[in-house]
């Protein structure tokens, strides 16, 4: 009984993981894009 519950919990965790990975990748990409954009702006100003 406990083993079945554990497997179900693991399946739920596995199903959720890709969504968090995708969200994290999007946040990282957005952060790098903003940093690069600001760096280019500051570089052009000087």
PDB file of N, CA and C in Angstrom:
ATOM      1  N   UNK A   1       0.836  -1.202   0.000  1.00  0.00           N
ATOM      2  CA  UNK A   1       0.000   0.000   0.000  1.00  0.00           C
ATOM      3  C   UNK A   1       0.880   1.265   0.000  1.00  0.00           C
ATOM      4  N   UNK A   2       1.845   1.303   0.903  1.00  0.00           N
ATOM      5  CA  UNK A   2       2.722   2.480   0.972  1.00  0.00           C
ATOM      6  C   UNK A   2       3.544   2.624  -0.314  1.00  0.00           C
ATOM      7  N   UNK A   3       3.977   1.467  -0.850  1.00  0.00           N
ATOM      8  CA  UNK A   3       4.772   1.479  -2.068  1.00  0.00           C
ATOM      9  C   UNK A   3       3.978   2.074  -3.221  1.00  0.00           C
ATOM     10  N   UNK A   4       2.700   1.734  -3.317  1.00  0.00           N
ATOM     11  CA  UNK A   4       1.834   2.266  -4.371  1.00  0.00           C
ATOM     12  C   UNK A   4       1.701   3.788  -4.224  1.00  0.00           C
ATOM     13  N   UNK A   5       1.501   4.236  -2.990  1.00  0.00           N
ATOM     14  CA  UNK A   5       1.397   5.674  -2.724  1.00  0.00           C
ATOM     15  C   UNK A   5       2.694   6.385  -3.109  1.00  0.00           C
ATOM     16  N   UNK A   6       3.808   5.773  -2.755  1.00  0.00           N
ATOM     17  CA  UNK A   6       5.115   6.357  -3.053  1.00  0.00           C
ATOM     18  C   UNK A   6       5.316   6.501  -4.561  1.00  0.00           C
ATOM     19  N   UNK A   7       4.914   5.466  -5.309  1.00  0.00           N
ATOM     20  CA  UNK A   7       5.063   5.511  -6.768  1.00  0.00           C
ATOM     21  C   UNK A   7       4.189   6.603  -7.375  1.00  0.00           C
ATOM     22  N   UNK A   8       2.974   6.748  -6.847  1.00  0.00           N
ATOM     23  CA  UNK A   8       2.074   7.792  -7.351  1.00  0.00           C
ATOM     24  C   UNK A   8       2.666   9.172  -7.073  1.00  0.00           C
ATOM     25  N   UNK A   9       3.212   9.352  -5.875  1.00  0.00           N
ATOM     26  CA  UNK A   9       3.823  10.624  -5.503  1.00  0.00           C
ATOM     27  C   UNK A   9       5.013  10.927  -6.415  1.00  0.00           C
ATOM     28  N   UNK A  10       5.808   9.901  -6.714  1.00  0.00           N
ATOM     29  CA  UNK A  10       6.967  10.056  -7.584  1.00  0.00           C
ATOM     30  C   UNK A  10       6.530  10.451  -8.994  1.00  0.00           C
ATOM     31  N   UNK A  11       5.437   9.836  -9.467  1.00  0.00           N
ATOM     32  CA  UNK A  11       4.926  10.143 -10.807  1.00  0.00           C
ATOM     33  C   UNK A  11       4.471  11.600 -10.879  1.00  0.00           C
ATOM     34  N   UNK A  12       3.826  12.057  -9.811  1.00  0.00           N
ATOM     35  CA  UNK A  12       3.372  13.452  -9.767  1.00  0.00           C
ATOM     36  C   UNK A  12       4.575  14.392  -9.787  1.00  0.00           C
ATOM     37  N   UNK A  13       5.609  14.065  -9.023  1.00  0.00           N
ATOM     38  CA  UNK A  13       6.815  14.891  -8.974  1.00  0.00           C
ATOM     39  C   UNK A  13       7.499  14.917 -10.342  1.00  0.00           C
ATOM     40  N   UNK A  14       7.538  13.770 -11.019  1.00  0.00           N
ATOM     41  CA  UNK A  14       8.158  13.689 -12.345  1.00  0.00           C
ATOM     42  C   UNK A  14       7.370  14.505 -13.356  1.00  0.00           C
ATOM     43  N   UNK A  15       6.046  14.516 -13.228  1.00  0.00           N
ATOM     44  CA  UNK A  15       5.199  15.268 -14.152  1.00  0.00           C
ATOM     45  C   UNK A  15       5.361  16.770 -13.937  1.00  0.00           C
ATOM     46  N   UNK A  16       5.617  17.177 -12.693  1.00  0.00           N
ATOM     47  CA  UNK A  16       5.754  18.602 -12.389  1.00  0.00           C
ATOM     48  C   UNK A  16       7.122  19.154 -12.765  1.00  0.00           C
ATOM     49  N   UNK A  17       8.144  18.303 -12.714  1.00  0.00           N
ATOM     50  CA  UNK A  17       9.515  18.777 -12.911  1.00  0.00           C
ATOM     51  C   UNK A  17       9.731  19.521 -14.241  1.00  0.00           C
ATOM     52  N   UNK A  18       9.313  18.976 -15.394  1.00  0.00           N
ATOM     53  CA  UNK A  18       9.556  19.674 -16.668  1.00  0.00           C
ATOM     54  C   UNK A  18       8.988  21.096 -16.693  1.00  0.00           C
ATOM     55  N   UNK A  19       7.840  21.301 -16.042  1.00  0.00           N
ATOM     56  CA  UNK A  19       7.245  22.644 -16.022  1.00  0.00           C
ATOM     57  C   UNK A  19       8.153  23.619 -15.287  1.00  0.00           C
ATOM     58  N   UNK A  20       8.713  23.177 -14.147  1.00  0.00           N
ATOM     59  CA  UNK A  20       9.620  24.040 -13.385  1.00  0.00           C
ATOM     60  C   UNK A  20      10.909  24.288 -14.160  1.00  0.00           C
ATOM     61  N   UNK A  21      11.395  23.252 -14.864  1.00  0.00           N
ATOM     62  CA  UNK A  21      12.606  23.410 -15.674  1.00  0.00           C
ATOM     63  C   UNK A  21      12.374  24.433 -16.771  1.00  0.00           C
ATOM     64  N   UNK A  22      11.212  24.351 -17.425  1.00  0.00           N
ATOM     65  CA  UNK A  22      10.869  25.280 -18.507  1.00  0.00           C
ATOM     66  C   UNK A  22      10.779  26.699 -17.959  1.00  0.00           C
ATOM     67  N   UNK A  23      10.106  26.856 -16.816  1.00  0.00           N
ATOM     68  CA  UNK A  23       9.959  28.183 -16.206  1.00  0.00           C
ATOM     69  C   UNK A  23      11.326  28.741 -15.816  1.00  0.00           C
ATOM     70  N   UNK A  24      12.168  27.891 -15.234  1.00  0.00           N
ATOM     71  CA  UNK A  24      13.505  28.326 -14.836  1.00  0.00           C
ATOM     72  C   UNK A  24      14.341  28.746 -16.035  1.00  0.00           C
ATOM     73  N   UNK A  25      14.247  27.985 -17.128  1.00  0.00           N
ATOM     74  CA  UNK A  25      14.995  28.307 -18.345  1.00  0.00           C
ATOM     75  C   UNK A  25      14.529  29.646 -18.917  1.00  0.00           C
ATOM     76  N   UNK A  26      13.221  29.874 -18.894  1.00  0.00           N
ATOM     77  CA  UNK A  26      12.675  31.141 -19.410  1.00  0.00           C
ATOM     78  C   UNK A  26      13.157  32.322 -18.566  1.00  0.00           C
ATOM     79  N   UNK A  27      13.146  32.148 -17.242  1.00  0.00           N
ATOM     80  CA  UNK A  27      13.602  33.218 -16.344  1.00  0.00           C
ATOM     81  C   UNK A  27      15.085  33.502 -16.564  1.00  0.00           C
ATOM     82  N   UNK A  28      15.886  32.446 -16.693  1.00  0.00           N
ATOM     83  CA  UNK A  28      17.322  32.615 -16.932  1.00  0.00           C
ATOM     84  C   UNK A  28      17.578  33.320 -18.257  1.00  0.00           C
ATOM     85  N   UNK A  29      16.869  32.886 -19.310  1.00  0.00           N
ATOM     86  CA  UNK A  29      17.031  33.498 -20.634  1.00  0.00           C
ATOM     87  C   UNK A  29      16.647  34.975 -20.581  1.00  0.00           C
ATOM     88  N   UNK A  30      15.538  35.278 -19.902  1.00  0.00           N
ATOM     89  CA  UNK A  30      15.103  36.666 -19.781  1.00  0.00           C
ATOM     90  C   UNK A  30      16.122  37.502 -19.017  1.00  0.00           C
ATOM     91  N   UNK A  31      16.667  36.935 -17.949  1.00  0.00           N
ATOM     92  CA  UNK A  31      17.666  37.645 -17.155  1.00  0.00           C
ATOM     93  C   UNK A  31      18.933  37.921 -17.955  1.00  0.00           C
ATOM     94  N   UNK A  32      19.413  36.929 -18.689  1.00  0.00           N
ATOM     95  CA  UNK A  32      20.606  37.112 -19.516  1.00  0.00           C
ATOM     96  C   UNK A  32      20.359  38.137 -20.618  1.00  0.00           C
ATOM     97  N   UNK A  33      19.159  38.097 -21.213  1.00  0.00           N
ATOM     98  CA  UNK A  33      18.805  39.046 -22.274  1.00  0.00           C
ATOM     99  C   UNK A  33      18.817  40.478 -21.740  1.00  0.00           C
ATOM    100  N   UNK A  34      18.207  40.669 -20.560  1.00  0.00           N
ATOM    101  CA  UNK A  34      18.167  42.008 -19.952  1.00  0.00           C
ATOM    102  C   UNK A  34      19.574  42.488 -19.598  1.00  0.00           C
ATOM    103  N   UNK A  35      20.394  41.594 -19.026  1.00  0.00           N
ATOM    104  CA  UNK A  35      21.764  41.964 -18.664  1.00  0.00           C
ATOM    105  C   UNK A  35      22.565  42.348 -19.909  1.00  0.00           C
ATOM    106  N   UNK A  36      22.438  41.552 -20.959  1.00  0.00           N
ATOM    107  CA  UNK A  36      23.138  41.844 -22.211  1.00  0.00           C
ATOM    108  C   UNK A  36      22.677  43.160 -22.814  1.00  0.00           C
ATOM    109  N   UNK A  37      21.366  43.404 -22.790  1.00  0.00           N
ATOM    110  CA  UNK A  37      20.801  44.644 -23.329  1.00  0.00           C
ATOM    111  C   UNK A  37      21.341  45.861 -22.576  1.00  0.00           C
ATOM    112  N   UNK A  38      21.351  45.773 -21.226  1.00  0.00           N
ATOM    113  CA  UNK A  38      21.863  46.874 -20.404  1.00  0.00           C
ATOM    114  C   UNK A  38      23.358  47.077 -20.644  1.00  0.00           C
ATOM    115  N   UNK A  39      24.107  45.975 -20.773  1.00  0.00           N
ATOM    116  CA  UNK A  39      25.552  46.047 -20.999  1.00  0.00           C
ATOM    117  C   UNK A  39      25.858  46.758 -22.313  1.00  0.00           C
ATOM    118  N   UNK A  40      25.104  46.432 -23.372  1.00  0.00           N
ATOM    119  CA  UNK A  40      25.290  47.063 -24.688  1.00  0.00           C
ATOM    120  C   UNK A  40      24.937  48.547 -24.616  1.00  0.00           C
ATOM    121  N   UNK A  41      23.859  48.880 -23.903  1.00  0.00           N
ATOM    122  CA  UNK A  41      23.443  50.288 -23.764  1.00  0.00           C
ATOM    123  C   UNK A  41      24.526  51.097 -23.061  1.00  0.00           C
ATOM    124  N   UNK A  42      25.047  50.555 -21.956  1.00  0.00           N
ATOM    125  CA  UNK A  42      26.089  51.255 -21.194  1.00  0.00           C
ATOM    126  C   UNK A  42      27.364  51.360 -22.035  1.00  0.00           C
ATOM    127  N   UNK A  43      27.691  50.311 -22.774  1.00  0.00           N
ATOM    128  CA  UNK A  43      28.890  50.313 -23.610  1.00  0.00           C
ATOM    129  C   UNK A  43      28.796  51.341 -24.728  1.00  0.00           C
ATOM    130  N   UNK A  44      27.626  51.501 -25.319  1.00  0.00           N
ATOM    131  CA  UNK A  44      27.457  52.468 -26.408  1.00  0.00           C
ATOM    132  C   UNK A  44      27.482  53.907 -25.895  1.00  0.00           C
ATOM    133  N   UNK A  45      27.019  54.109 -24.649  1.00  0.00           N
ATOM    134  CA  UNK A  45      26.951  55.461 -24.098  1.00  0.00           C
ATOM    135  C   UNK A  45      28.352  56.032 -23.874  1.00  0.00           C
ATOM    136  N   UNK A  46      29.298  55.194 -23.428  1.00  0.00           N
ATOM    137  CA  UNK A  46      30.647  55.678 -23.132  1.00  0.00           C
ATOM    138  C   UNK A  46      31.472  55.825 -24.399  1.00  0.00           C
TER     139      UNK A  46
END
